[in-house]
Amino acid sequence: MVERAVTIRDVGPRDGLQSEAPVDPQRRRELAVALAQAGVAEVEAASFVSPRAVPSMAGAGDVFAGLPALDSVRWWALVPNRRGAELALAAGVRALTVTVSASPAYSHKNVGMSPLDALAALVEIAEIAVGAPEPAPLDTVVSCAFGSPFDDVADVGVVAAMVEQIRATVPGTVTLADTTGTATPRRIAAVLKATGTDVGLHLHDTRGTALANALAAMDLGVRWFDTSVGGLGGSPFAPGAGGNLATEDLVLVLEDGGIDTGIDLDAILRISRGLSSLVGHAVPSRTSSAGRLPAFGD
C-alpha cells in the first residue's frame, strides 16, 4: 500500500450506520467497497457486537463474506471482547479496532464493563490478534479522550495514564476519540502534549469543531484520522453525540492545501449524495451539499 501524507480511515459502514435504522449487510458491504474504489485505503466495515445491543450492526460476518481482497485497502472491524475477536478473525477480518473508555460511565453503557475490565478484555483480544496465523493489526480507540458527557473525565491526566497503560500492555496503535464532540483545538493540544502525536484521532462534529480540531492536530504532527462519509455517525450510548467528521470535508480542505490523501473527492461526493436514500434522511456533511470549491489561485 502507498504511504500517504495523511491517512484517512473511513468508519462510515460501522460508526456511520450504527445509530441508524438497520441497513442490509449487502448494502453496507457495497458502501465499504465503494469507499475503497474511491481511494480510501483504510475502511472500518463492520462491528462484531451483540445484535441485541446494536441491532444496526447485525450480520457483520455477512458484510465481510463478500469483501474483495485488495492490496489497496485494509478492512477493519470493531470488536468488544474475546468472542467478538474470534468471530471477526473466523470471518476473515485482518485488522481489529477495540474501544476502551476514559469515562467509567460511558464504558459501562458502551461495553458493559468498567475501564479496568475493558483493559483486561483488550489484553485477551490482543493475544488472539497476535496469535492468529496471520497476525492482525490492533488499534485501541480511547473514547471520551477530550471530555465526557457524564463529567467524569475532568483532566488530561486520566487520558494520558490510560494511553500509557495501553502502550505498556498491548501492541498496536492508539486512536483518541472525541466521542461526543467536546474537543476544541486547545483540548487537542493539551492531550497531545501528554500522549505524544503518534496517535490517530476520531473526531465528532457535535459542536461544529471537528474540522478545526483535525487541522490543529495536523499542525502538531498527527497524520491519521477517522472520518465518516457524509458525516454520519454517533454512539447510541452517548447522550448528545453528533456525527463524525465528514470524509469529504477533510479531503476537500487537505486537497486545497496540496496534501495527498489518495482519495478521489468527486467519487466520495457521489457516495455521500447517495446516502440519503440509504438512511432515509439528509446527511450532515457541508461539502456534500455545497460541492467542490471554485478555482482560486495565489
Protein backbone atom coordinates (compact mmCIF):
# COMPACT_ATOMS: atom_id res chain seq x y z
CA MET A 1 0.00 0.00 0.00
CA VAL A 2 1.19 3.53 -0.82
CA GLU A 3 2.11 5.67 2.17
CA ARG A 4 0.15 8.92 2.15
CA ALA A 5 0.90 12.30 3.70
CA VAL A 6 -2.29 11.85 5.71
CA THR A 7 -4.12 8.56 6.24
CA ILE A 8 -7.90 8.55 6.49
CA ARG A 9 -9.85 5.59 7.81
CA ASP A 10 -13.50 5.85 6.80
CA VAL A 11 -15.68 4.39 9.54
CA GLY A 12 -18.96 5.10 7.75
CA PRO A 13 -20.07 1.49 7.26
CA ARG A 14 -19.65 0.93 11.00
CA ASP A 15 -19.80 4.09 13.13
CA GLY A 16 -21.70 5.96 10.46
CA LEU A 17 -24.55 3.45 10.39
CA GLN A 18 -24.60 2.09 13.94
CA SER A 19 -27.16 4.64 15.17
CA GLU A 20 -29.29 4.45 12.03
CA ALA A 21 -32.16 2.08 11.30
CA PRO A 22 -30.70 -1.30 10.28
CA VAL A 23 -29.26 -1.43 6.77
CA ASP A 24 -28.98 -4.75 4.94
CA PRO A 25 -25.45 -6.26 5.20
CA GLN A 26 -25.16 -6.40 1.41
CA ARG A 27 -25.75 -2.65 1.13
CA ARG A 28 -23.27 -1.99 3.94
CA ARG A 29 -20.75 -4.11 2.05
CA GLU A 30 -21.44 -2.17 -1.15
CA LEU A 31 -20.77 1.07 0.73
CA ALA A 32 -17.44 -0.27 2.01
CA VAL A 33 -16.40 -1.39 -1.47
CA ALA A 34 -17.40 1.96 -2.98
CA LEU A 35 -15.21 3.75 -0.45
CA ALA A 36 -12.26 1.53 -1.36
CA GLN A 37 -12.84 2.21 -5.04
CA ALA A 38 -12.77 5.94 -4.25
CA GLY A 39 -9.25 5.54 -2.89
CA VAL A 40 -9.90 5.12 0.82
CA ALA A 41 -7.08 2.83 1.96
CA GLU A 42 -8.48 2.05 5.43
CA VAL A 43 -12.18 1.17 5.88
CA GLU A 44 -13.93 0.06 9.06
CA ALA A 45 -16.59 -2.15 7.54
CA ALA A 46 -18.49 -3.67 10.46
CA SER A 47 -18.70 -4.36 14.18
CA PHE A 48 -18.85 -7.82 15.75
CA VAL A 49 -21.01 -6.77 18.70
CA SER A 50 -24.19 -8.28 20.07
CA PRO A 51 -27.08 -7.58 17.66
CA ARG A 52 -29.28 -7.16 20.71
CA ALA A 53 -27.15 -4.27 21.90
CA VAL A 54 -26.61 -2.69 18.45
CA PRO A 55 -29.22 -4.04 16.00
CA SER A 56 -27.79 -1.98 13.12
CA MET A 57 -24.56 -3.98 13.26
CA ALA A 58 -26.18 -7.42 12.91
CA GLY A 59 -24.77 -9.55 10.10
CA ALA A 60 -21.14 -8.43 10.38
CA GLY A 61 -19.98 -11.79 9.08
CA ASP A 62 -22.16 -11.34 6.01
CA VAL A 63 -20.60 -7.93 5.38
CA PHE A 64 -17.10 -9.39 5.40
CA ALA A 65 -18.01 -12.53 3.47
CA GLY A 66 -18.23 -10.62 0.21
CA LEU A 67 -15.47 -8.04 0.66
CA PRO A 68 -12.78 -8.39 -2.02
CA ALA A 69 -9.16 -8.94 -1.05
CA LEU A 70 -7.48 -5.82 -2.43
CA ASP A 71 -3.89 -4.67 -1.99
CA SER A 72 -5.14 -1.08 -2.00
CA VAL A 73 -7.36 -1.31 1.10
CA ARG A 74 -7.29 -2.71 4.60
CA TRP A 75 -10.66 -3.77 6.03
CA TRP A 76 -11.17 -3.15 9.77
CA ALA A 77 -13.77 -4.43 12.21
CA LEU A 78 -14.62 -3.27 15.72
CA VAL A 79 -14.69 -6.00 18.37
CA PRO A 80 -15.75 -5.61 22.03
CA ASN A 81 -14.35 -8.76 23.60
CA ARG A 82 -12.62 -12.11 23.06
CA ARG A 83 -15.68 -13.70 21.47
CA GLY A 84 -16.08 -10.80 19.06
CA ALA A 85 -12.43 -11.08 18.06
CA GLU A 86 -12.77 -14.81 17.45
CA LEU A 87 -15.84 -14.28 15.27
CA ALA A 88 -14.14 -11.50 13.35
CA LEU A 89 -10.99 -13.47 12.59
CA ALA A 90 -13.07 -16.50 11.59
CA ALA A 91 -14.96 -14.24 9.16
CA GLY A 92 -11.71 -13.19 7.52
CA VAL A 93 -11.11 -9.87 9.28
CA ARG A 94 -7.42 -8.95 9.31
CA ALA A 95 -7.42 -5.68 11.28
CA LEU A 96 -9.18 -5.05 14.59
CA THR A 97 -10.29 -1.97 16.48
CA VAL A 98 -11.14 -2.16 20.17
CA THR A 99 -12.78 0.57 22.23
CA VAL A 100 -11.87 1.34 25.81
CA SER A 101 -13.06 4.44 27.59
CA ALA A 102 -11.50 7.08 29.78
CA SER A 103 -15.04 7.57 31.16
CA PRO A 104 -16.27 4.88 33.58
CA ALA A 105 -19.90 5.83 32.95
CA TYR A 106 -19.54 5.59 29.18
CA SER A 107 -17.58 2.35 29.46
CA HIS A 108 -20.43 0.70 31.36
CA LYS A 109 -23.01 1.95 28.86
CA ASN A 110 -20.97 1.10 25.76
CA VAL A 111 -19.40 -2.27 26.59
CA GLY A 112 -20.98 -3.18 29.95
CA MET A 113 -17.61 -3.12 31.72
CA SER A 114 -15.52 -0.84 33.88
CA PRO A 115 -12.44 0.68 32.21
CA LEU A 116 -10.29 -1.77 34.18
CA ASP A 117 -12.28 -4.76 32.92
CA ALA A 118 -12.23 -3.34 29.39
CA LEU A 119 -8.43 -3.17 29.54
CA ALA A 120 -8.36 -6.80 30.67
CA ALA A 121 -10.57 -7.71 27.71
CA LEU A 122 -8.20 -5.74 25.47
CA VAL A 123 -5.31 -7.96 26.58
CA GLU A 124 -7.30 -11.08 25.62
CA ILE A 125 -8.14 -9.58 22.23
CA ALA A 126 -4.50 -8.68 21.66
CA GLU A 127 -3.44 -12.25 22.41
CA ILE A 128 -5.88 -13.54 19.80
CA ALA A 129 -4.83 -10.91 17.23
CA VAL A 130 -1.12 -11.59 17.68
CA GLY A 131 -1.62 -15.35 17.81
CA ALA A 132 -3.61 -15.56 14.58
CA PRO A 133 -1.95 -17.43 11.67
CA GLU A 134 -1.71 -14.02 10.02
CA PRO A 135 -1.28 -11.59 12.95
CA ALA A 136 -3.91 -8.86 12.83
CA PRO A 137 -3.06 -5.19 13.41
CA LEU A 138 -4.76 -3.84 16.53
CA ASP A 139 -5.91 -0.26 17.06
CA THR A 140 -7.12 0.69 20.54
CA VAL A 141 -9.59 3.57 20.49
CA VAL A 142 -9.83 5.60 23.71
CA SER A 143 -13.34 7.03 23.98
CA CYS A 144 -14.12 10.34 25.72
CA ALA A 145 -10.48 11.38 25.40
CA PHE A 146 -11.31 15.09 25.41
CA GLY A 147 -14.09 15.18 27.97
CA SER A 148 -17.13 13.14 28.92
CA PRO A 149 -20.86 13.84 28.74
CA PHE A 150 -21.03 12.31 32.21
CA ASP A 151 -18.49 14.79 33.68
CA ASP A 152 -16.17 12.01 34.83
CA VAL A 153 -13.13 12.84 32.64
CA ALA A 154 -12.05 16.20 34.01
CA ASP A 155 -8.37 16.43 33.09
CA VAL A 156 -5.63 15.32 30.74
CA GLY A 157 -4.04 13.05 33.35
CA VAL A 158 -6.83 10.48 33.13
CA VAL A 159 -6.36 10.09 29.39
CA ALA A 160 -2.57 10.14 29.49
CA ALA A 161 -2.50 7.41 32.15
CA MET A 162 -4.81 5.19 30.10
CA VAL A 163 -2.77 5.65 26.93
CA GLU A 164 0.43 4.87 28.84
CA GLN A 165 -1.12 1.69 30.23
CA ILE A 166 -2.35 0.58 26.79
CA ARG A 167 1.08 1.10 25.24
CA ALA A 168 2.75 -0.83 28.04
CA THR A 169 0.28 -3.71 27.82
CA VAL A 170 -0.65 -4.44 24.19
CA PRO A 171 0.91 -3.95 20.76
CA GLY A 172 -0.54 -1.80 18.03
CA THR A 173 -1.68 1.78 17.59
CA VAL A 174 -3.80 4.13 19.69
CA THR A 175 -6.59 6.40 18.47
CA LEU A 176 -8.06 9.14 20.64
CA ALA A 177 -11.80 9.56 20.19
CA ASP A 178 -13.80 12.72 20.75
CA THR A 179 -16.90 10.63 21.33
CA THR A 180 -19.40 13.44 21.86
CA GLY A 181 -17.69 16.37 20.19
CA THR A 182 -16.30 18.05 23.31
CA ALA A 183 -12.84 18.70 21.85
CA THR A 184 -11.51 22.09 20.87
CA PRO A 185 -8.09 22.98 19.45
CA ARG A 186 -6.98 23.88 22.99
CA ARG A 187 -8.02 20.48 24.33
CA ILE A 188 -6.47 18.73 21.34
CA ALA A 189 -3.13 20.42 22.04
CA ALA A 190 -3.27 19.67 25.77
CA VAL A 191 -3.98 15.96 25.30
CA LEU A 192 -1.41 15.52 22.52
CA LYS A 193 1.22 17.21 24.68
CA ALA A 194 0.63 14.46 27.25
CA THR A 195 0.27 11.47 24.89
CA GLY A 196 2.51 12.45 22.00
CA THR A 197 1.36 12.81 18.42
CA ASP A 198 1.90 9.18 17.40
CA VAL A 199 -1.86 8.61 17.65
CA GLY A 200 -4.91 8.69 15.44
CA LEU A 201 -7.86 10.98 16.03
CA HIS A 202 -11.53 10.01 15.78
CA LEU A 203 -13.46 13.28 15.76
CA HIS A 204 -17.16 14.01 16.08
CA ASP A 205 -18.76 17.25 14.93
CA THR A 206 -21.43 17.75 17.58
CA ARG A 207 -20.43 21.39 18.14
CA GLY A 208 -19.01 22.09 14.69
CA THR A 209 -15.39 21.86 15.84
CA ALA A 210 -14.25 18.61 14.19
CA LEU A 211 -12.52 20.12 11.15
CA ALA A 212 -10.79 22.80 13.24
CA ASN A 213 -9.63 20.08 15.62
CA ALA A 214 -8.25 17.98 12.76
CA LEU A 215 -6.28 20.90 11.35
CA ALA A 216 -4.95 21.80 14.80
CA ALA A 217 -3.82 18.20 15.29
CA MET A 218 -2.18 18.15 11.86
CA ASP A 219 -0.18 21.25 12.77
CA LEU A 220 1.10 19.32 15.79
CA GLY A 221 2.04 16.24 13.75
CA VAL A 222 -0.95 13.87 13.75
CA ARG A 223 -1.28 12.04 10.43
CA TRP A 224 -4.14 9.52 11.00
CA PHE A 225 -7.81 10.50 11.12
CA ASP A 226 -11.05 8.56 11.34
CA THR A 227 -13.84 10.11 9.28
CA SER A 228 -17.24 9.05 8.01
CA VAL A 229 -18.59 9.66 4.53
CA GLY A 230 -21.48 12.09 4.71
CA GLY A 231 -20.62 12.96 8.31
CA LEU A 232 -22.87 10.17 9.56
CA GLY A 233 -22.31 8.61 12.95
CA GLY A 234 -22.64 8.85 16.67
CA SER A 235 -22.77 6.48 19.59
CA PRO A 236 -26.15 5.14 20.72
CA PHE A 237 -24.70 5.05 24.25
CA ALA A 238 -23.55 8.68 24.49
CA PRO A 239 -26.22 11.34 25.01
CA GLY A 240 -25.99 14.19 22.52
CA ALA A 241 -23.37 12.57 20.30
CA GLY A 242 -23.32 14.08 16.83
CA GLY A 243 -21.97 12.72 13.57
CA ASN A 244 -18.34 12.15 12.63
CA LEU A 245 -16.04 14.50 10.82
CA ALA A 246 -17.16 14.05 7.21
CA THR A 247 -14.63 12.38 4.94
CA GLU A 248 -15.34 14.82 2.12
CA ASP A 249 -15.00 17.87 4.41
CA LEU A 250 -11.48 16.84 5.45
CA VAL A 251 -10.41 15.70 1.97
CA LEU A 252 -11.62 18.99 0.45
CA VAL A 253 -9.53 21.13 2.80
CA LEU A 254 -6.45 18.91 2.57
CA GLU A 255 -6.67 18.76 -1.24
CA ASP A 256 -6.90 22.55 -1.40
CA GLY A 257 -3.74 22.71 0.70
CA GLY A 258 -1.88 20.33 -1.59
CA ILE A 259 -1.88 17.47 0.92
CA ASP A 260 -2.18 13.98 -0.56
CA THR A 261 -4.78 11.57 0.83
CA GLY A 262 -5.09 9.32 -2.22
CA ILE A 263 -8.86 9.81 -2.10
CA ASP A 264 -10.94 10.88 -5.09
CA LEU A 265 -13.09 13.73 -3.77
CA ASP A 266 -15.58 13.55 -6.65
CA ALA A 267 -16.12 9.84 -6.00
CA ILE A 268 -16.63 10.45 -2.28
CA LEU A 269 -19.16 13.17 -3.05
CA ARG A 270 -21.11 10.78 -5.26
CA ILE A 271 -21.20 8.23 -2.44
CA SER A 272 -22.19 10.86 0.12
CA ARG A 273 -25.01 12.20 -2.02
CA GLY A 274 -26.42 8.70 -2.40
CA LEU A 275 -26.52 8.06 1.34
CA SER A 276 -29.83 9.83 1.93
CA SER A 277 -31.64 7.00 0.15
CA LEU A 278 -29.78 4.51 2.34
CA VAL A 279 -30.54 6.12 5.71
CA GLY A 280 -33.75 7.97 4.89
CA HIS A 281 -32.60 11.50 5.66
CA ALA A 282 -30.13 14.13 4.53
CA VAL A 283 -26.51 13.75 5.61
CA PRO A 284 -24.89 16.45 7.76
CA SER A 285 -21.79 16.99 5.59
CA ARG A 286 -21.50 20.57 4.37
CA THR A 287 -19.33 19.66 1.39
CA SER A 288 -21.85 17.07 0.29
CA SER A 289 -24.43 19.81 -0.21
CA ALA A 290 -22.13 22.66 -1.29
CA GLY A 291 -19.81 20.72 -3.58
CA ARG A 292 -16.24 21.38 -4.63
CA LEU A 293 -14.50 24.69 -4.16
CA PRO A 294 -14.32 27.06 -7.13
CA ALA A 295 -10.87 27.73 -8.58
CA PHE A 296 -8.81 30.25 -6.67
CA GLY A 297 -5.10 30.96 -7.30
CA ASP A 298 -2.43 32.54 -5.16
